[in-house]
PDB file of N, CA and C in Angstrom:
ATOM      1  N   MET A   1      19.368 -44.410 -21.622  1.00  0.00           N
ATOM      2  CA  MET A   1      19.199 -43.709 -20.903  1.00  0.00           C
ATOM      3  C   MET A   1      20.005 -43.461 -19.661  1.00  0.00           C
ATOM      4  N   ASN A   2      19.927 -42.291 -19.456  1.00  0.00           N
ATOM      5  CA  ASN A   2      21.030 -41.489 -18.350  1.00  0.00           C
ATOM      6  C   ASN A   2      19.636 -41.159 -17.242  1.00  0.00           C
ATOM      7  N   ILE A   3      20.233 -41.263 -16.310  1.00  0.00           N
ATOM      8  CA  ILE A   3      19.019 -40.923 -14.847  1.00  0.00           C
ATOM      9  C   ILE A   3      20.078 -40.411 -13.754  1.00  0.00           C
ATOM     10  N   ASP A   4      19.747 -39.112 -13.505  1.00  0.00           N
ATOM     11  CA  ASP A   4      20.614 -38.169 -12.607  1.00  0.00           C
ATOM     12  C   ASP A   4      19.635 -38.088 -10.984  1.00  0.00           C
ATOM     13  N   PHE A   5      20.124 -38.319 -10.536  1.00  0.00           N
ATOM     14  CA  PHE A   5      19.892 -38.229  -9.201  1.00  0.00           C
ATOM     15  C   PHE A   5      20.351 -36.988  -8.336  1.00  0.00           C
ATOM     16  N   LEU A   6      19.238 -36.602  -7.746  1.00  0.00           N
ATOM     17  CA  LEU A   6      19.468 -35.456  -6.784  1.00  0.00           C
ATOM     18  C   LEU A   6      19.699 -35.845  -5.122  1.00  0.00           C
ATOM     19  N   THR A   7      20.891 -35.096  -4.766  1.00  0.00           N
ATOM     20  CA  THR A   7      20.863 -35.147  -3.333  1.00  0.00           C
ATOM     21  C   THR A   7      20.233 -34.144  -2.473  1.00  0.00           C
ATOM     22  N   LYS A   8      20.306 -34.143  -1.086  1.00  0.00           N
ATOM     23  CA  LYS A   8      19.656 -33.346  -0.224  1.00  0.00           C
ATOM     24  C   LYS A   8      20.673 -31.829  -0.302  1.00  0.00           C
ATOM     25  N   ASN A   9      21.698 -31.956  -0.774  1.00  0.00           N
ATOM     26  CA  ASN A   9      23.176 -30.941  -1.004  1.00  0.00           C
ATOM     27  C   ASN A   9      22.630 -30.181  -2.154  1.00  0.00           C
ATOM     28  N   ASP A  10      21.881 -31.046  -3.031  1.00  0.00           N
ATOM     29  CA  ASP A  10      21.571 -30.081  -4.133  1.00  0.00           C
ATOM     30  C   ASP A  10      20.147 -29.570  -3.821  1.00  0.00           C
ATOM     31  N   LEU A  11      19.223 -29.877  -3.203  1.00  0.00           N
ATOM     32  CA  LEU A  11      18.025 -29.101  -3.247  1.00  0.00           C
ATOM     33  C   LEU A  11      18.545 -28.213  -2.178  1.00  0.00           C
ATOM     34  N   LEU A  12      19.426 -28.084  -0.965  1.00  0.00           N
ATOM     35  CA  LEU A  12      19.615 -26.878  -0.413  1.00  0.00           C
ATOM     36  C   LEU A  12      20.333 -25.888  -0.965  1.00  0.00           C
ATOM     37  N   ILE A  13      21.474 -25.919  -2.041  1.00  0.00           N
ATOM     38  CA  ILE A  13      21.703 -25.313  -2.928  1.00  0.00           C
ATOM     39  C   ILE A  13      20.875 -24.954  -3.153  1.00  0.00           C
ATOM     40  N   PHE A  14      19.554 -25.097  -4.339  1.00  0.00           N
ATOM     41  CA  PHE A  14      18.921 -24.764  -5.456  1.00  0.00           C
ATOM     42  C   PHE A  14      17.748 -23.923  -4.740  1.00  0.00           C
ATOM     43  N   LYS A  15      17.518 -24.329  -3.263  1.00  0.00           N
ATOM     44  CA  LYS A  15      16.336 -23.932  -2.027  1.00  0.00           C
ATOM     45  C   LYS A  15      17.083 -21.912  -1.754  1.00  0.00           C
ATOM     46  N   GLU A  16      18.368 -22.070  -1.543  1.00  0.00           N
ATOM     47  CA  GLU A  16      19.277 -20.316  -1.608  1.00  0.00           C
ATOM     48  C   GLU A  16      19.412 -20.330  -2.862  1.00  0.00           C
ATOM     49  N   GLU A  17      19.906 -20.735  -3.945  1.00  0.00           N
ATOM     50  CA  GLU A  17      19.329 -19.841  -5.035  1.00  0.00           C
ATOM     51  C   GLU A  17      18.009 -19.242  -5.397  1.00  0.00           C
ATOM     52  N   LEU A  18      17.128 -20.300  -5.242  1.00  0.00           N
ATOM     53  CA  LEU A  18      15.855 -19.654  -5.135  1.00  0.00           C
ATOM     54  C   LEU A  18      15.205 -18.316  -4.586  1.00  0.00           C
ATOM     55  N   LEU A  19      15.781 -19.224  -3.146  1.00  0.00           N
ATOM     56  CA  LEU A  19      15.735 -17.607  -1.965  1.00  0.00           C
ATOM     57  C   LEU A  19      15.569 -16.211  -2.461  1.00  0.00           C
ATOM     58  N   ALA A  20      16.956 -16.450  -3.184  1.00  0.00           N
ATOM     59  CA  ALA A  20      18.101 -15.591  -3.276  1.00  0.00           C
ATOM     60  C   ALA A  20      17.538 -14.763  -4.265  1.00  0.00           C
ATOM     61  N   GLU A  21      17.141 -14.846  -5.474  1.00  0.00           N
ATOM     62  CA  GLU A  21      16.507 -15.082  -6.343  1.00  0.00           C
ATOM     63  C   GLU A  21      14.597 -13.877  -6.190  1.00  0.00           C
ATOM     64  N   ILE A  22      14.325 -14.515  -5.100  1.00  0.00           N
ATOM     65  CA  ILE A  22      13.150 -14.029  -4.751  1.00  0.00           C
ATOM     66  C   ILE A  22      12.789 -12.675  -4.110  1.00  0.00           C
ATOM     67  N   ARG A  23      14.081 -13.074  -3.200  1.00  0.00           N
ATOM     68  CA  ARG A  23      14.353 -11.073  -2.074  1.00  0.00           C
ATOM     69  C   ARG A  23      15.138 -10.271  -3.627  1.00  0.00           C
ATOM     70  N   SER A  24      15.523 -10.998  -4.722  1.00  0.00           N
ATOM     71  CA  SER A  24      15.824  -9.890  -5.372  1.00  0.00           C
ATOM     72  C   SER A  24      15.260  -9.284  -6.144  1.00  0.00           C
ATOM     73  N   LEU A  25      13.808  -9.898  -6.435  1.00  0.00           N
ATOM     74  CA  LEU A  25      13.138  -9.584  -7.233  1.00  0.00           C
ATOM     75  C   LEU A  25      12.200  -8.820  -6.106  1.00  0.00           C
ATOM     76  N   ASN A  26      11.419  -8.927  -5.052  1.00  0.00           N
ATOM     77  CA  ASN A  26      11.076  -8.020  -3.597  1.00  0.00           C
ATOM     78  C   ASN A  26      11.608  -6.943  -3.952  1.00  0.00           C
ATOM     79  N   ALA A  27      12.913  -6.595  -3.646  1.00  0.00           N
ATOM     80  CA  ALA A  27      13.840  -5.616  -3.590  1.00  0.00           C
ATOM     81  C   ALA A  27      13.729  -4.530  -4.565  1.00  0.00           C
ATOM     82  N   SER A  28      13.421  -5.046  -5.358  1.00  0.00           N
ATOM     83  CA  SER A  28      13.690  -4.518  -6.722  1.00  0.00           C
ATOM     84  C   SER A  28      12.248  -4.071  -7.578  1.00  0.00           C
ATOM     85  N   GLN A  29      11.203  -4.469  -6.672  1.00  0.00           N
ATOM     86  CA  GLN A  29       9.425  -3.335  -6.763  1.00  0.00           C
ATOM     87  C   GLN A  29       9.491  -2.166  -5.645  1.00  0.00           C
ATOM     88  N   PRO A  30       8.736  -1.896  -6.450  1.00  0.00           N
ATOM     89  CA  PRO A  30       8.094  -0.648  -5.637  1.00  0.00           C
ATOM     90  C   PRO A  30       7.163  -1.343  -4.889  1.00  0.00           C
ATOM     91  N   ARG A  31       7.095  -0.634  -3.636  1.00  0.00           N
ATOM     92  CA  ARG A  31       6.387  -0.827  -2.838  1.00  0.00           C
ATOM     93  C   ARG A  31       4.671  -0.761  -2.761  1.00  0.00           C
ATOM     94  N   LYS A  32       4.229  -1.197  -2.356  1.00  0.00           N
ATOM     95  CA  LYS A  32       2.734  -0.999  -2.365  1.00  0.00           C
ATOM     96  C   LYS A  32       1.846   0.220  -2.128  1.00  0.00           C
ATOM     97  N   GLN A  33       1.304   0.862  -2.289  1.00  0.00           N
ATOM     98  CA  GLN A  33       0.507   2.227  -1.487  1.00  0.00           C
ATOM     99  C   GLN A  33      -0.434   1.743  -1.130  1.00  0.00           C
ATOM    100  N   GLU A  34      -0.267   1.786   0.499  1.00  0.00           N
ATOM    101  CA  GLU A  34      -1.377   1.665   1.292  1.00  0.00           C
ATOM    102  C   GLU A  34      -2.584   2.628   1.682  1.00  0.00           C
ATOM    103  N   VAL A  35      -3.959   2.378   1.227  1.00  0.00           N
ATOM    104  CA  VAL A  35      -5.004   3.200   0.922  1.00  0.00           C
ATOM    105  C   VAL A  35      -6.064   2.733   1.964  1.00  0.00           C
ATOM    106  N   LEU A  36      -6.510   4.266   2.165  1.00  0.00           N
ATOM    107  CA  LEU A  36      -7.440   4.137   3.156  1.00  0.00           C
ATOM    108  C   LEU A  36      -9.137   4.327   2.790  1.00  0.00           C
ATOM    109  N   ARG A  37     -10.330   3.582   3.327  1.00  0.00           N
ATOM    110  CA  ARG A  37     -11.334   4.032   2.506  1.00  0.00           C
ATOM    111  C   ARG A  37     -11.877   5.355   3.443  1.00  0.00           C
ATOM    112  N   SER A  38     -13.136   5.129   2.719  1.00  0.00           N
ATOM    113  CA  SER A  38     -13.892   6.765   3.682  1.00  0.00           C
ATOM    114  C   SER A  38     -13.912   7.072   5.443  1.00  0.00           C
ATOM    115  N   ALA A  39     -14.260   5.744   5.651  1.00  0.00           N
ATOM    116  CA  ALA A  39     -14.666   5.585   7.365  1.00  0.00           C
ATOM    117  C   ALA A  39     -13.204   5.517   7.668  1.00  0.00           C
ATOM    118  N   ASP A  40     -12.133   5.352   7.408  1.00  0.00           N
ATOM    119  CA  ASP A  40     -10.673   5.001   7.760  1.00  0.00           C
ATOM    120  C   ASP A  40     -10.505   6.739   8.091  1.00  0.00           C
ATOM    121  N   VAL A  41     -10.772   7.247   7.104  1.00  0.00           N
ATOM    122  CA  VAL A  41     -10.630   8.947   6.819  1.00  0.00           C
ATOM    123  C   VAL A  41     -10.923   9.801   7.813  1.00  0.00           C
ATOM    124  N   ARG A  42     -12.332   9.263   7.941  1.00  0.00           N
ATOM    125  CA  ARG A  42     -12.944  10.070   8.471  1.00  0.00           C
ATOM    126  C   ARG A  42     -12.727  10.072  10.254  1.00  0.00           C
ATOM    127  N   GLN A  43     -12.698   8.538  10.455  1.00  0.00           N
ATOM    128  CA  GLN A  43     -11.733   8.350  11.797  1.00  0.00           C
ATOM    129  C   GLN A  43     -10.591   8.800  12.186  1.00  0.00           C
ATOM    130  N   ILE A  44      -9.404   8.916  11.150  1.00  0.00           N
ATOM    131  CA  ILE A  44      -8.376   9.781  11.714  1.00  0.00           C
ATOM    132  C   ILE A  44      -8.369  11.010  11.698  1.00  0.00           C
ATOM    133  N   LEU A  45      -9.273  11.337  10.697  1.00  0.00           N
ATOM    134  CA  LEU A  45      -8.871  13.126  10.719  1.00  0.00           C
ATOM    135  C   LEU A  45     -10.079  13.961  11.827  1.00  0.00           C
ATOM    136  N   SER A  46     -11.201  12.908  12.521  1.00  0.00           N
ATOM    137  CA  SER A  46     -11.723  13.313  13.204  1.00  0.00           C
ATOM    138  C   SER A  46     -13.040  13.927  12.777  1.00  0.00           C
ATOM    139  N   CYS A  47     -13.749  13.629  11.621  1.00  0.00           N
ATOM    140  CA  CYS A  47     -14.349  14.695  10.639  1.00  0.00           C
ATOM    141  C   CYS A  47     -15.328  14.112  10.266  1.00  0.00           C
ATOM    142  N   SER A  48     -16.890  14.629   9.647  1.00  0.00           N
ATOM    143  CA  SER A  48     -17.908  14.424   9.507  1.00  0.00           C
ATOM    144  C   SER A  48     -17.834  13.985   7.841  1.00  0.00           C
ATOM    145  N   HIS A  49     -18.505  13.404   7.508  1.00  0.00           N
ATOM    146  CA  HIS A  49     -18.520  13.106   5.907  1.00  0.00           C
ATOM    147  C   HIS A  49     -19.059  14.074   5.217  1.00  0.00           C
ATOM    148  N   ALA A  50     -19.508  15.029   5.206  1.00  0.00           N
ATOM    149  CA  ALA A  50     -19.774  16.466   4.677  1.00  0.00           C
ATOM    150  C   ALA A  50     -18.514  16.982   4.573  1.00  0.00           C
ATOM    151  N   THR A  51     -17.870  17.005   5.629  1.00  0.00           N
ATOM    152  CA  THR A  51     -16.158  17.794   5.798  1.00  0.00           C
ATOM    153  C   THR A  51     -14.798  16.830   5.204  1.00  0.00           C
ATOM    154  N   LEU A  52     -15.577  15.876   4.848  1.00  0.00           N
ATOM    155  CA  LEU A  52     -14.642  14.933   3.899  1.00  0.00           C
ATOM    156  C   LEU A  52     -14.746  15.214   2.381  1.00  0.00           C
ATOM    157  N   GLN A  53     -16.266  15.308   2.166  1.00  0.00           N
ATOM    158  CA  GLN A  53     -16.431  15.540   0.788  1.00  0.00           C
ATOM    159  C   GLN A  53     -15.530  17.175   0.916  1.00  0.00           C
ATOM    160  N   ASN A  54     -15.953  18.224   1.001  1.00  0.00           N
ATOM    161  CA  ASN A  54     -15.288  18.984   1.013  1.00  0.00           C
ATOM    162  C   ASN A  54     -13.617  19.332   0.723  1.00  0.00           C
ATOM    163  N   LEU A  55     -13.219  18.506   1.408  1.00  0.00           N
ATOM    164  CA  LEU A  55     -11.601  17.829   1.248  1.00  0.00           C
ATOM    165  C   LEU A  55     -11.555  17.408   0.175  1.00  0.00           C
ATOM    166  N   ARG A  56     -12.096  17.053  -0.390  1.00  0.00           N
ATOM    167  CA  ARG A  56     -12.350  16.611  -2.099  1.00  0.00           C
ATOM    168  C   ARG A  56     -12.646  17.300  -2.900  1.00  0.00           C
ATOM    169  N   ILE A  57     -13.899  18.237  -2.743  1.00  0.00           N
ATOM    170  CA  ILE A  57     -13.634  19.187  -3.505  1.00  0.00           C
ATOM    171  C   ILE A  57     -13.221  19.830  -3.852  1.00  0.00           C
ATOM    172  N   THR A  58     -12.715  20.489  -2.224  1.00  0.00           N
ATOM    173  CA  THR A  58     -11.495  22.092  -2.567  1.00  0.00           C
ATOM    174  C   THR A  58      -9.960  20.696  -2.815  1.00  0.00           C
ATOM    175  N   GLY A  59      -9.948  19.857  -3.366  1.00  0.00           N
ATOM    176  CA  GLY A  59      -8.636  19.312  -3.486  1.00  0.00           C
ATOM    177  C   GLY A  59      -7.813  19.588  -2.575  1.00  0.00           C
ATOM    178  N   ALA A  60      -7.632  19.256  -1.201  1.00  0.00           N
ATOM    179  CA  ALA A  60      -7.105  18.648   0.055  1.00  0.00           C
ATOM    180  C   ALA A  60      -6.327  17.265  -0.050  1.00  0.00           C
ATOM    181  N   LEU A  61      -7.646  16.894  -0.539  1.00  0.00           N
ATOM    182  CA  LEU A  61      -7.415  15.025  -0.802  1.00  0.00           C
ATOM    183  C   LEU A  61      -7.395  14.585  -1.999  1.00  0.00           C
ATOM    184  N   LYS A  62      -7.200  13.955  -2.614  1.00  0.00           N
ATOM    185  CA  LYS A  62      -6.910  13.328  -4.084  1.00  0.00           C
ATOM    186  C   LYS A  62      -7.325  11.628  -3.507  1.00  0.00           C
ATOM    187  N   PRO A  63      -8.556  11.772  -3.821  1.00  0.00           N
ATOM    188  CA  PRO A  63      -9.061  10.240  -3.673  1.00  0.00           C
ATOM    189  C   PRO A  63      -9.187   9.492  -5.246  1.00  0.00           C
ATOM    190  N   THR A  64      -9.642   8.542  -5.529  1.00  0.00           N
ATOM    191  CA  THR A  64      -9.571   7.576  -6.400  1.00  0.00           C
ATOM    192  C   THR A  64     -11.079   6.678  -5.929  1.00  0.00           C
ATOM    193  N   LYS A  65     -11.556   7.023  -7.028  1.00  0.00           N
ATOM    194  CA  LYS A  65     -13.139   6.417  -6.721  1.00  0.00           C
ATOM    195  C   LYS A  65     -13.308   4.788  -7.633  1.00  0.00           C
ATOM    196  N   ILE A  66     -13.079   4.008  -7.058  1.00  0.00           N
ATOM    197  CA  ILE A  66     -13.129   2.908  -7.421  1.00  0.00           C
ATOM    198  C   ILE A  66     -14.822   1.853  -7.050  1.00  0.00           C
ATOM    199  N   GLY A  67     -15.584   1.756  -8.567  1.00  0.00           N
ATOM    200  CA  GLY A  67     -16.974   0.993  -7.964  1.00  0.00           C
ATOM    201  C   GLY A  67     -17.614   1.768  -6.775  1.00  0.00           C
ATOM    202  N   GLY A  68     -17.659   2.707  -6.700  1.00  0.00           N
ATOM    203  CA  GLY A  68     -18.423   3.696  -5.970  1.00  0.00           C
ATOM    204  C   GLY A  68     -17.936   4.035  -4.387  1.00  0.00           C
ATOM    205  N   THR A  69     -16.218   3.045  -4.436  1.00  0.00           N
ATOM    206  CA  THR A  69     -16.058   3.627  -3.512  1.00  0.00           C
ATOM    207  C   THR A  69     -14.925   4.144  -3.257  1.00  0.00           C
ATOM    208  N   TRP A  70     -14.901   5.296  -2.432  1.00  0.00           N
ATOM    209  CA  TRP A  70     -13.252   6.476  -2.211  1.00  0.00           C
ATOM    210  C   TRP A  70     -12.508   5.743  -1.290  1.00  0.00           C
ATOM    211  N   TYR A  71     -11.071   5.406  -2.401  1.00  0.00           N
ATOM    212  CA  TYR A  71     -10.089   4.993  -1.725  1.00  0.00           C
ATOM    213  C   TYR A  71      -8.932   6.396  -1.489  1.00  0.00           C
ATOM    214  N   TYR A  72      -8.330   6.415  -0.597  1.00  0.00           N
ATOM    215  CA  TYR A  72      -7.509   7.852  -0.163  1.00  0.00           C
ATOM    216  C   TYR A  72      -5.999   6.724   0.235  1.00  0.00           C
ATOM    217  N   ASN A  73      -5.207   7.886  -0.564  1.00  0.00           N
ATOM    218  CA  ASN A  73      -3.489   7.540  -0.315  1.00  0.00           C
ATOM    219  C   ASN A  73      -3.111   7.442   1.143  1.00  0.00           C
ATOM    220  N   ALA A  74      -2.875   6.688   2.015  1.00  0.00           N
ATOM    221  CA  ALA A  74      -2.554   7.090   3.415  1.00  0.00           C
ATOM    222  C   ALA A  74      -1.728   7.757   3.917  1.00  0.00           C
ATOM    223  N   GLU A  75      -0.292   7.989   2.584  1.00  0.00           N
ATOM    224  CA  GLU A  75       0.803   8.757   2.788  1.00  0.00           C
ATOM    225  C   GLU A  75       0.213   9.956   2.653  1.00  0.00           C
ATOM    226  N   GLU A  76      -0.820  10.389   1.864  1.00  0.00           N
ATOM    227  CA  GLU A  76      -1.215  11.645   1.487  1.00  0.00           C
ATOM    228  C   GLU A  76      -1.982  11.996   2.573  1.00  0.00           C
ATOM    229  N   VAL A  77      -3.196  10.983   3.493  1.00  0.00           N
ATOM    230  CA  VAL A  77      -3.756  11.379   4.982  1.00  0.00           C
ATOM    231  C   VAL A  77      -2.661  11.944   5.640  1.00  0.00           C
ATOM    232  N   TYR A  78      -2.019  11.321   5.835  1.00  0.00           N
ATOM    233  CA  TYR A  78      -1.023  11.902   7.371  1.00  0.00           C
ATOM    234  C   TYR A  78      -0.014  13.306   6.917  1.00  0.00           C
ATOM    235  N   SER A  79      -0.068  13.695   5.678  1.00  0.00           N
ATOM    236  CA  SER A  79       0.999  14.126   5.449  1.00  0.00           C
ATOM    237  C   SER A  79       0.248  15.240   5.318  1.00  0.00           C
ATOM    238  N   GLN A  80      -1.138  15.650   5.448  1.00  0.00           N
ATOM    239  CA  GLN A  80      -2.281  16.498   5.713  1.00  0.00           C
ATOM    240  C   GLN A  80      -2.634  17.016   6.952  1.00  0.00           C
ATOM    241  N   LEU A  81      -2.791  15.654   7.814  1.00  0.00           N
ATOM    242  CA  LEU A  81      -2.955  15.941   9.024  1.00  0.00           C
ATOM    243  C   LEU A  81      -2.851  16.940   9.868  1.00  0.00           C
ATOM    244  N   PRO A  82      -1.741  17.736   9.309  1.00  0.00           N
ATOM    245  CA  PRO A  82      -1.800  18.621  10.513  1.00  0.00           C
ATOM    246  C   PRO A  82      -2.606  20.080  10.142  1.00  0.00           C
ATOM    247  N   LYS A  83      -2.401  19.997   8.671  1.00  0.00           N
ATOM    248  CA  LYS A  83      -2.787  21.751   7.761  1.00  0.00           C
ATOM    249  C   LYS A  83      -4.677  21.073   8.124  1.00  0.00           C
ATOM    250  N   ILE A  84      -5.497  19.703   7.568  1.00  0.00           N
ATOM    251  CA  ILE A  84      -6.479  19.641   8.061  1.00  0.00           C
ATOM    252  C   ILE A  84      -7.126  20.097   9.403  1.00  0.00           C
ATOM    253  N   ASN A  85      -6.328  19.848  10.148  1.00  0.00           N
ATOM    254  CA  ASN A  85      -6.455  19.917  11.297  1.00  0.00           C
ATOM    255  C   ASN A  85      -6.399  21.010  12.338  1.00  0.00           C
ATOM    256  N   ALA A  86      -5.951  22.187  11.425  1.00  0.00           N
ATOM    257  CA  ALA A  86      -5.739  23.270  12.122  1.00  0.00           C
ATOM    258  C   ALA A  86      -6.276  24.277  11.184  1.00  0.00           C
ATOM    259  N   ALA A  87      -7.155  23.791  10.194  1.00  0.00           N
ATOM    260  CA  ALA A  87      -8.186  24.441   9.452  1.00  0.00           C
ATOM    261  C   ALA A  87      -9.501  24.031  10.105  1.00  0.00           C
ATOM    262  N   ASN A  88      -9.650  23.079  10.600  1.00  0.00           N
ATOM    263  CA  ASN A  88     -11.110  22.639  11.495  1.00  0.00           C
ATOM    264  C   ASN A  88     -11.051  23.725  13.023  1.00  0.00           C
TER     265      ASN A  88
END
């Protein structure tokens, strides 16, 4: 029976290798898109529920509906902000 002992230095080396691997995995994955709910979008755009609905219908904003709740891509909302405010 062969018994191997770990030293504190072995654990520190393992920690550094593990952290490096985690960082490389995090860097290679795309960033998650920030999503906004309807109430957040209405507050950002300073518009009513009906106006937000019209923006969905006309295609100015392209949300996703999940379980009865509309979710908007924050990047899309902020990029459309000048156009939407100019129209209102």
